[in-house]
Amino acid sequence: MVEIVPGIVADKDIHFGKPVIKGTRVPVETVLGALVGGTSFEEIVAEYGITKDDIIAALNYALKLVSGRARIRRAEHQ
């Protein structure tokens, strides 16, 4: 398991190594997609069993990607 940014990890055994919320199997892309679709933080928390801090971690990861301060990383497949 690789922690990409605080709260976001990639593990080759979870969702093919795509970034997920740490301690869950919830992909970052699912959280971001829900936000883009107009889902509120409260609805995401209830739907996916994550916290507001987890949502902020997903947003932080996205910000770092678009600003060039983070790389798209997936856990290595063996």
PDB file of N, CA and C in Angstrom:
ATOM      1  N   MET A   1       0.852  -1.177   0.000  1.00  0.00           N
ATOM      2  CA  MET A   1       0.000   0.000   0.000  1.00  0.00           C
ATOM      3  C   MET A   1       0.897   1.240   0.000  1.00  0.00           C
ATOM      4  N   VAL A   2       0.541   2.202  -0.831  1.00  0.00           N
ATOM      5  CA  VAL A   2       1.293   3.448  -0.960  1.00  0.00           C
ATOM      6  C   VAL A   2       0.372   4.604  -0.566  1.00  0.00           C
ATOM      7  N   GLU A   3       0.805   5.434   0.393  1.00  0.00           N
ATOM      8  CA  GLU A   3       0.032   6.636   0.718  1.00  0.00           C
ATOM      9  C   GLU A   3       0.498   7.744  -0.218  1.00  0.00           C
ATOM     10  N   ILE A   4      -0.405   8.193  -1.076  1.00  0.00           N
ATOM     11  CA  ILE A   4      -0.076   9.175  -2.107  1.00  0.00           C
ATOM     12  C   ILE A   4      -0.038  10.574  -1.512  1.00  0.00           C
ATOM     13  N   VAL A   5      -1.078  10.921  -0.828  1.00  0.00           N
ATOM     14  CA  VAL A   5      -1.175  12.144  -0.028  1.00  0.00           C
ATOM     15  C   VAL A   5      -1.893  11.726   1.251  1.00  0.00           C
ATOM     16  N   PRO A   6      -1.852  12.524   2.288  1.00  0.00           N
ATOM     17  CA  PRO A   6      -2.527  12.121   3.524  1.00  0.00           C
ATOM     18  C   PRO A   6      -3.997  11.745   3.273  1.00  0.00           C
ATOM     19  N   GLY A   7      -4.341  10.528   3.670  1.00  0.00           N
ATOM     20  CA  GLY A   7      -5.714  10.061   3.543  1.00  0.00           C
ATOM     21  C   GLY A   7      -6.043   9.349   2.251  1.00  0.00           C
ATOM     22  N   ILE A   8      -5.120   9.334   1.293  1.00  0.00           N
ATOM     23  CA  ILE A   8      -5.359   8.690  -0.008  1.00  0.00           C
ATOM     24  C   ILE A   8      -4.260   7.658  -0.231  1.00  0.00           C
ATOM     25  N   VAL A   9      -4.674   6.417  -0.523  1.00  0.00           N
ATOM     26  CA  VAL A   9      -3.715   5.339  -0.723  1.00  0.00           C
ATOM     27  C   VAL A   9      -3.996   4.599  -2.028  1.00  0.00           C
ATOM     28  N   ALA A  10      -2.994   3.865  -2.475  1.00  0.00           N
ATOM     29  CA  ALA A  10      -3.142   2.962  -3.613  1.00  0.00           C
ATOM     30  C   ALA A  10      -2.625   1.604  -3.177  1.00  0.00           C
ATOM     31  N   ASP A  11      -3.414   0.577  -3.435  1.00  0.00           N
ATOM     32  CA  ASP A  11      -3.062  -0.793  -3.070  1.00  0.00           C
ATOM     33  C   ASP A  11      -3.406  -1.677  -4.256  1.00  0.00           C
ATOM     34  N   LYS A  12      -2.456  -2.467  -4.698  1.00  0.00           N
ATOM     35  CA  LYS A  12      -2.668  -3.281  -5.891  1.00  0.00           C
ATOM     36  C   LYS A  12      -3.847  -4.240  -5.748  1.00  0.00           C
ATOM     37  N   ASP A  13      -4.238  -4.536  -4.525  1.00  0.00           N
ATOM     38  CA  ASP A  13      -5.340  -5.462  -4.289  1.00  0.00           C
ATOM     39  C   ASP A  13      -6.697  -4.776  -4.148  1.00  0.00           C
ATOM     40  N   ILE A  14      -6.722  -3.464  -4.260  1.00  0.00           N
ATOM     41  CA  ILE A  14      -7.987  -2.726  -4.134  1.00  0.00           C
ATOM     42  C   ILE A  14      -8.188  -1.889  -5.395  1.00  0.00           C
ATOM     43  N   HIS A  15      -9.254  -2.184  -6.124  1.00  0.00           N
ATOM     44  CA  HIS A  15      -9.606  -1.435  -7.338  1.00  0.00           C
ATOM     45  C   HIS A  15      -8.429  -1.283  -8.310  1.00  0.00           C
ATOM     46  N   PHE A  16      -7.710  -2.387  -8.484  1.00  0.00           N
ATOM     47  CA  PHE A  16      -6.614  -2.428  -9.469  1.00  0.00           C
ATOM     48  C   PHE A  16      -5.545  -1.365  -9.210  1.00  0.00           C
ATOM     49  N   GLY A  17      -5.376  -0.969  -7.946  1.00  0.00           N
ATOM     50  CA  GLY A  17      -4.338  -0.004  -7.595  1.00  0.00           C
ATOM     51  C   GLY A  17      -4.725   1.453  -7.770  1.00  0.00           C
ATOM     52  N   LYS A  18      -5.995   1.714  -8.081  1.00  0.00           N
ATOM     53  CA  LYS A  18      -6.435   3.108  -8.199  1.00  0.00           C
ATOM     54  C   LYS A  18      -6.472   3.758  -6.818  1.00  0.00           C
ATOM     55  N   PRO A  19      -6.294   5.066  -6.743  1.00  0.00           N
ATOM     56  CA  PRO A  19      -6.337   5.757  -5.443  1.00  0.00           C
ATOM     57  C   PRO A  19      -7.704   5.632  -4.771  1.00  0.00           C
ATOM     58  N   VAL A  20      -7.670   5.291  -3.491  1.00  0.00           N
ATOM     59  CA  VAL A  20      -8.887   5.151  -2.687  1.00  0.00           C
ATOM     60  C   VAL A  20      -8.720   5.917  -1.382  1.00  0.00           C
ATOM     61  N   ILE A  21      -9.844   6.139  -0.716  1.00  0.00           N
ATOM     62  CA  ILE A  21      -9.825   6.739   0.614  1.00  0.00           C
ATOM     63  C   ILE A  21      -9.186   5.726   1.571  1.00  0.00           C
ATOM     64  N   LYS A  22      -8.192   6.168   2.326  1.00  0.00           N
ATOM     65  CA  LYS A  22      -7.470   5.287   3.241  1.00  0.00           C
ATOM     66  C   LYS A  22      -8.441   4.581   4.192  1.00  0.00           C
ATOM     67  N   GLY A  23      -8.244   3.273   4.343  1.00  0.00           N
ATOM     68  CA  GLY A  23      -9.073   2.481   5.248  1.00  0.00           C
ATOM     69  C   GLY A  23     -10.395   2.050   4.644  1.00  0.00           C
ATOM     70  N   THR A  24     -10.594   2.344   3.356  1.00  0.00           N
ATOM     71  CA  THR A  24     -11.844   1.981   2.680  1.00  0.00           C
ATOM     72  C   THR A  24     -11.520   1.395   1.305  1.00  0.00           C
ATOM     73  N   ARG A  25     -12.572   1.047   0.587  1.00  0.00           N
ATOM     74  CA  ARG A  25     -12.436   0.635  -0.808  1.00  0.00           C
ATOM     75  C   ARG A  25     -13.107   1.673  -1.720  1.00  0.00           C
ATOM     76  N   VAL A  26     -13.300   2.876  -1.205  1.00  0.00           N
ATOM     77  CA  VAL A  26     -13.985   3.935  -1.945  1.00  0.00           C
ATOM     78  C   VAL A  26     -12.972   4.678  -2.826  1.00  0.00           C
ATOM     79  N   PRO A  27     -13.113   4.569  -4.151  1.00  0.00           N
ATOM     80  CA  PRO A  27     -12.179   5.255  -5.042  1.00  0.00           C
ATOM     81  C   PRO A  27     -12.332   6.775  -4.984  1.00  0.00           C
ATOM     82  N   VAL A  28     -11.210   7.465  -5.101  1.00  0.00           N
ATOM     83  CA  VAL A  28     -11.218   8.924  -5.155  1.00  0.00           C
ATOM     84  C   VAL A  28     -12.105   9.383  -6.309  1.00  0.00           C
ATOM     85  N   GLU A  29     -12.027   8.717  -7.442  1.00  0.00           N
ATOM     86  CA  GLU A  29     -12.817   9.142  -8.600  1.00  0.00           C
ATOM     87  C   GLU A  29     -14.321   9.064  -8.317  1.00  0.00           C
ATOM     88  N   THR A  30     -14.749   8.142  -7.478  1.00  0.00           N
ATOM     89  CA  THR A  30     -16.166   8.045  -7.107  1.00  0.00           C
ATOM     90  C   THR A  30     -16.585   9.263  -6.290  1.00  0.00           C
ATOM     91  N   VAL A  31     -15.745   9.643  -5.335  1.00  0.00           N
ATOM     92  CA  VAL A  31     -16.038  10.810  -4.495  1.00  0.00           C
ATOM     93  C   VAL A  31     -16.078  12.070  -5.350  1.00  0.00           C
ATOM     94  N   LEU A  32     -15.068  12.250  -6.196  1.00  0.00           N
ATOM     95  CA  LEU A  32     -15.027  13.447  -7.047  1.00  0.00           C
ATOM     96  C   LEU A  32     -16.208  13.473  -8.012  1.00  0.00           C
ATOM     97  N   GLY A  33     -16.544  12.335  -8.575  1.00  0.00           N
ATOM     98  CA  GLY A  33     -17.687  12.265  -9.484  1.00  0.00           C
ATOM     99  C   GLY A  33     -18.989  12.635  -8.792  1.00  0.00           C
ATOM    100  N   ALA A  34     -19.141  12.188  -7.558  1.00  0.00           N
ATOM    101  CA  ALA A  34     -20.340  12.542  -6.796  1.00  0.00           C
ATOM    102  C   ALA A  34     -20.404  14.050  -6.564  1.00  0.00           C
ATOM    103  N   LEU A  35     -19.273  14.648  -6.217  1.00  0.00           N
ATOM    104  CA  LEU A  35     -19.238  16.099  -6.009  1.00  0.00           C
ATOM    105  C   LEU A  35     -19.573  16.850  -7.291  1.00  0.00           C
ATOM    106  N   VAL A  36     -18.988  16.426  -8.393  1.00  0.00           N
ATOM    107  CA  VAL A  36     -19.259  17.072  -9.686  1.00  0.00           C
ATOM    108  C   VAL A  36     -20.745  16.938 -10.040  1.00  0.00           C
ATOM    109  N   GLY A  37     -21.328  15.820  -9.664  1.00  0.00           N
ATOM    110  CA  GLY A  37     -22.741  15.586  -9.944  1.00  0.00           C
ATOM    111  C   GLY A  37     -23.693  16.329  -9.025  1.00  0.00           C
ATOM    112  N   GLY A  38     -23.148  17.086  -8.074  1.00  0.00           N
ATOM    113  CA  GLY A  38     -23.996  17.901  -7.203  1.00  0.00           C
ATOM    114  C   GLY A  38     -24.355  17.262  -5.877  1.00  0.00           C
ATOM    115  N   THR A  39     -23.772  16.116  -5.580  1.00  0.00           N
ATOM    116  CA  THR A  39     -24.043  15.463  -4.305  1.00  0.00           C
ATOM    117  C   THR A  39     -23.358  16.240  -3.185  1.00  0.00           C
ATOM    118  N   SER A  40     -24.071  16.447  -2.098  1.00  0.00           N
ATOM    119  CA  SER A  40     -23.512  17.218  -0.974  1.00  0.00           C
ATOM    120  C   SER A  40     -22.539  16.356  -0.167  1.00  0.00           C
ATOM    121  N   PHE A  41     -21.693  17.029   0.607  1.00  0.00           N
ATOM    122  CA  PHE A  41     -20.782  16.313   1.494  1.00  0.00           C
ATOM    123  C   PHE A  41     -21.577  15.359   2.388  1.00  0.00           C
ATOM    124  N   GLU A  42     -22.675  15.839   2.944  1.00  0.00           N
ATOM    125  CA  GLU A  42     -23.474  15.033   3.863  1.00  0.00           C
ATOM    126  C   GLU A  42     -24.009  13.784   3.175  1.00  0.00           C
ATOM    127  N   GLU A  43     -24.450  13.920   1.939  1.00  0.00           N
ATOM    128  CA  GLU A  43     -24.965  12.762   1.197  1.00  0.00           C
ATOM    129  C   GLU A  43     -23.850  11.760   0.904  1.00  0.00           C
ATOM    130  N   ILE A  44     -22.670  12.249   0.568  1.00  0.00           N
ATOM    131  CA  ILE A  44     -21.532  11.363   0.294  1.00  0.00           C
ATOM    132  C   ILE A  44     -21.127  10.623   1.560  1.00  0.00           C
ATOM    133  N   VAL A  45     -21.079  11.337   2.675  1.00  0.00           N
ATOM    134  CA  VAL A  45     -20.751  10.714   3.960  1.00  0.00           C
ATOM    135  C   VAL A  45     -21.726   9.575   4.249  1.00  0.00           C
ATOM    136  N   ALA A  46     -23.014   9.830   4.067  1.00  0.00           N
ATOM    137  CA  ALA A  46     -24.031   8.817   4.344  1.00  0.00           C
ATOM    138  C   ALA A  46     -23.969   7.654   3.354  1.00  0.00           C
ATOM    139  N   GLU A  47     -23.752   7.957   2.092  1.00  0.00           N
ATOM    140  CA  GLU A  47     -23.762   6.932   1.040  1.00  0.00           C
ATOM    141  C   GLU A  47     -22.554   5.998   1.114  1.00  0.00           C
ATOM    142  N   TYR A  48     -21.376   6.546   1.374  1.00  0.00           N
ATOM    143  CA  TYR A  48     -20.142   5.763   1.284  1.00  0.00           C
ATOM    144  C   TYR A  48     -19.488   5.461   2.625  1.00  0.00           C
ATOM    145  N   GLY A  49     -20.035   5.982   3.710  1.00  0.00           N
ATOM    146  CA  GLY A  49     -19.487   5.686   5.025  1.00  0.00           C
ATOM    147  C   GLY A  49     -18.099   6.277   5.246  1.00  0.00           C
ATOM    148  N   ILE A  50     -17.853   7.434   4.639  1.00  0.00           N
ATOM    149  CA  ILE A  50     -16.588   8.129   4.827  1.00  0.00           C
ATOM    150  C   ILE A  50     -16.862   9.421   5.582  1.00  0.00           C
ATOM    151  N   THR A  51     -15.813  10.154   5.897  1.00  0.00           N
ATOM    152  CA  THR A  51     -15.972  11.388   6.668  1.00  0.00           C
ATOM    153  C   THR A  51     -15.781  12.614   5.774  1.00  0.00           C
ATOM    154  N   LYS A  52     -16.145  13.763   6.323  1.00  0.00           N
ATOM    155  CA  LYS A  52     -15.897  15.017   5.615  1.00  0.00           C
ATOM    156  C   LYS A  52     -14.402  15.183   5.360  1.00  0.00           C
ATOM    157  N   ASP A  53     -13.573  14.803   6.320  1.00  0.00           N
ATOM    158  CA  ASP A  53     -12.118  14.877   6.136  1.00  0.00           C
ATOM    159  C   ASP A  53     -11.647  13.987   4.985  1.00  0.00           C
ATOM    160  N   ASP A  54     -12.304  12.837   4.799  1.00  0.00           N
ATOM    161  CA  ASP A  54     -11.970  11.955   3.669  1.00  0.00           C
ATOM    162  C   ASP A  54     -12.279  12.648   2.345  1.00  0.00           C
ATOM    163  N   ILE A  55     -13.399  13.338   2.280  1.00  0.00           N
ATOM    164  CA  ILE A  55     -13.773  14.062   1.058  1.00  0.00           C
ATOM    165  C   ILE A  55     -12.754  15.163   0.786  1.00  0.00           C
ATOM    166  N   ILE A  56     -12.355  15.854   1.832  1.00  0.00           N
ATOM    167  CA  ILE A  56     -11.354  16.911   1.670  1.00  0.00           C
ATOM    168  C   ILE A  56     -10.025  16.315   1.217  1.00  0.00           C
ATOM    169  N   ALA A  57      -9.665  15.144   1.701  1.00  0.00           N
ATOM    170  CA  ALA A  57      -8.436  14.473   1.245  1.00  0.00           C
ATOM    171  C   ALA A  57      -8.518  14.173  -0.252  1.00  0.00           C
ATOM    172  N   ALA A  58      -9.682  13.741  -0.733  1.00  0.00           N
ATOM    173  CA  ALA A  58      -9.864  13.479  -2.167  1.00  0.00           C
ATOM    174  C   ALA A  58      -9.713  14.769  -2.968  1.00  0.00           C
ATOM    175  N   LEU A  59     -10.285  15.844  -2.474  1.00  0.00           N
ATOM    176  CA  LEU A  59     -10.140  17.140  -3.145  1.00  0.00           C
ATOM    177  C   LEU A  59      -8.692  17.617  -3.130  1.00  0.00           C
ATOM    178  N   ASN A  60      -8.007  17.401  -2.022  1.00  0.00           N
ATOM    179  CA  ASN A  60      -6.598  17.772  -1.916  1.00  0.00           C
ATOM    180  C   ASN A  60      -5.768  16.993  -2.944  1.00  0.00           C
ATOM    181  N   TYR A  61      -6.039  15.718  -3.083  1.00  0.00           N
ATOM    182  CA  TYR A  61      -5.335  14.902  -4.074  1.00  0.00           C
ATOM    183  C   TYR A  61      -5.582  15.451  -5.478  1.00  0.00           C
ATOM    184  N   ALA A  62      -6.826  15.764  -5.785  1.00  0.00           N
ATOM    185  CA  ALA A  62      -7.158  16.312  -7.113  1.00  0.00           C
ATOM    186  C   ALA A  62      -6.439  17.642  -7.333  1.00  0.00           C
ATOM    187  N   LEU A  63      -6.413  18.500  -6.335  1.00  0.00           N
ATOM    188  CA  LEU A  63      -5.721  19.785  -6.445  1.00  0.00           C
ATOM    189  C   LEU A  63      -4.238  19.576  -6.732  1.00  0.00           C
ATOM    190  N   LYS A  64      -3.634  18.645  -6.016  1.00  0.00           N
ATOM    191  CA  LYS A  64      -2.207  18.395  -6.226  1.00  0.00           C
ATOM    192  C   LYS A  64      -1.946  17.831  -7.614  1.00  0.00           C
ATOM    193  N   LEU A  65      -2.871  17.033  -8.137  1.00  0.00           N
ATOM    194  CA  LEU A  65      -2.701  16.515  -9.499  1.00  0.00           C
ATOM    195  C   LEU A  65      -2.741  17.633 -10.530  1.00  0.00           C
ATOM    196  N   VAL A  66      -3.730  18.497 -10.436  1.00  0.00           N
ATOM    197  CA  VAL A  66      -3.861  19.547 -11.451  1.00  0.00           C
ATOM    198  C   VAL A  66      -2.806  20.632 -11.297  1.00  0.00           C
ATOM    199  N   SER A  67      -2.240  20.770 -10.111  1.00  0.00           N
ATOM    200  CA  SER A  67      -1.201  21.778  -9.914  1.00  0.00           C
ATOM    201  C   SER A  67       0.197  21.220 -10.180  1.00  0.00           C
ATOM    202  N   GLY A  68       0.269  19.932 -10.480  1.00  0.00           N
ATOM    203  CA  GLY A  68       1.554  19.311 -10.771  1.00  0.00           C
ATOM    204  C   GLY A  68       2.361  18.935  -9.554  1.00  0.00           C
ATOM    205  N   ARG A  69       1.753  18.967  -8.380  1.00  0.00           N
ATOM    206  CA  ARG A  69       2.489  18.646  -7.154  1.00  0.00           C
ATOM    207  C   ARG A  69       2.319  17.201  -6.712  1.00  0.00           C
ATOM    208  N   ALA A  70       1.573  16.427  -7.472  1.00  0.00           N
ATOM    209  CA  ALA A  70       1.417  14.996  -7.172  1.00  0.00           C
ATOM    210  C   ALA A  70       1.361  14.254  -8.495  1.00  0.00           C
ATOM    211  N   ARG A  71       1.747  13.027  -8.452  1.00  0.00           N
ATOM    212  CA  ARG A  71       1.686  12.187  -9.645  1.00  0.00           C
ATOM    213  C   ARG A  71       0.511  11.245  -9.541  1.00  0.00           C
ATOM    214  N   ILE A  72       0.007  10.829 -10.685  1.00  0.00           N
ATOM    215  CA  ILE A  72      -0.988   9.767 -10.679  1.00  0.00           C
ATOM    216  C   ILE A  72      -0.225   8.493 -10.391  1.00  0.00           C
ATOM    217  N   ARG A  73      -0.549   7.888  -9.271  1.00  0.00           N
ATOM    218  CA  ARG A  73       0.164   6.685  -8.878  1.00  0.00           C
ATOM    219  C   ARG A  73      -0.820   5.575  -8.637  1.00  0.00           C
ATOM    220  N   ARG A  74      -0.460   4.423  -9.104  1.00  0.00           N
ATOM    221  CA  ARG A  74      -1.197   3.220  -8.792  1.00  0.00           C
ATOM    222  C   ARG A  74      -0.240   2.253  -8.141  1.00  0.00           C
ATOM    223  N   ALA A  75      -0.767   1.420  -7.283  1.00  0.00           N
ATOM    224  CA  ALA A  75       0.082   0.420  -6.665  1.00  0.00           C
ATOM    225  C   ALA A  75       0.577  -0.526  -7.749  1.00  0.00           C
ATOM    226  N   GLU A  76       1.789  -0.989  -7.607  1.00  0.00           N
ATOM    227  CA  GLU A  76       2.392  -1.896  -8.580  1.00  0.00           C
ATOM    228  C   GLU A  76       1.678  -3.237  -8.576  1.00  0.00           C
ATOM    229  N   HIS A  77       1.421  -3.756  -9.761  1.00  0.00           N
ATOM    230  CA  HIS A  77       0.876  -5.108  -9.910  1.00  0.00           C
ATOM    231  C   HIS A  77       2.027  -6.085  -9.961  1.00  0.00           C
ATOM    232  N   GLN A  78       1.868  -7.186  -9.299  1.00  0.00           N
ATOM    233  CA  GLN A  78       2.929  -8.206  -9.325  1.00  0.00           C
ATOM    234  C   GLN A  78       2.569  -9.320 -10.251  1.00  0.00           C
TER     235      GLN A  78
END
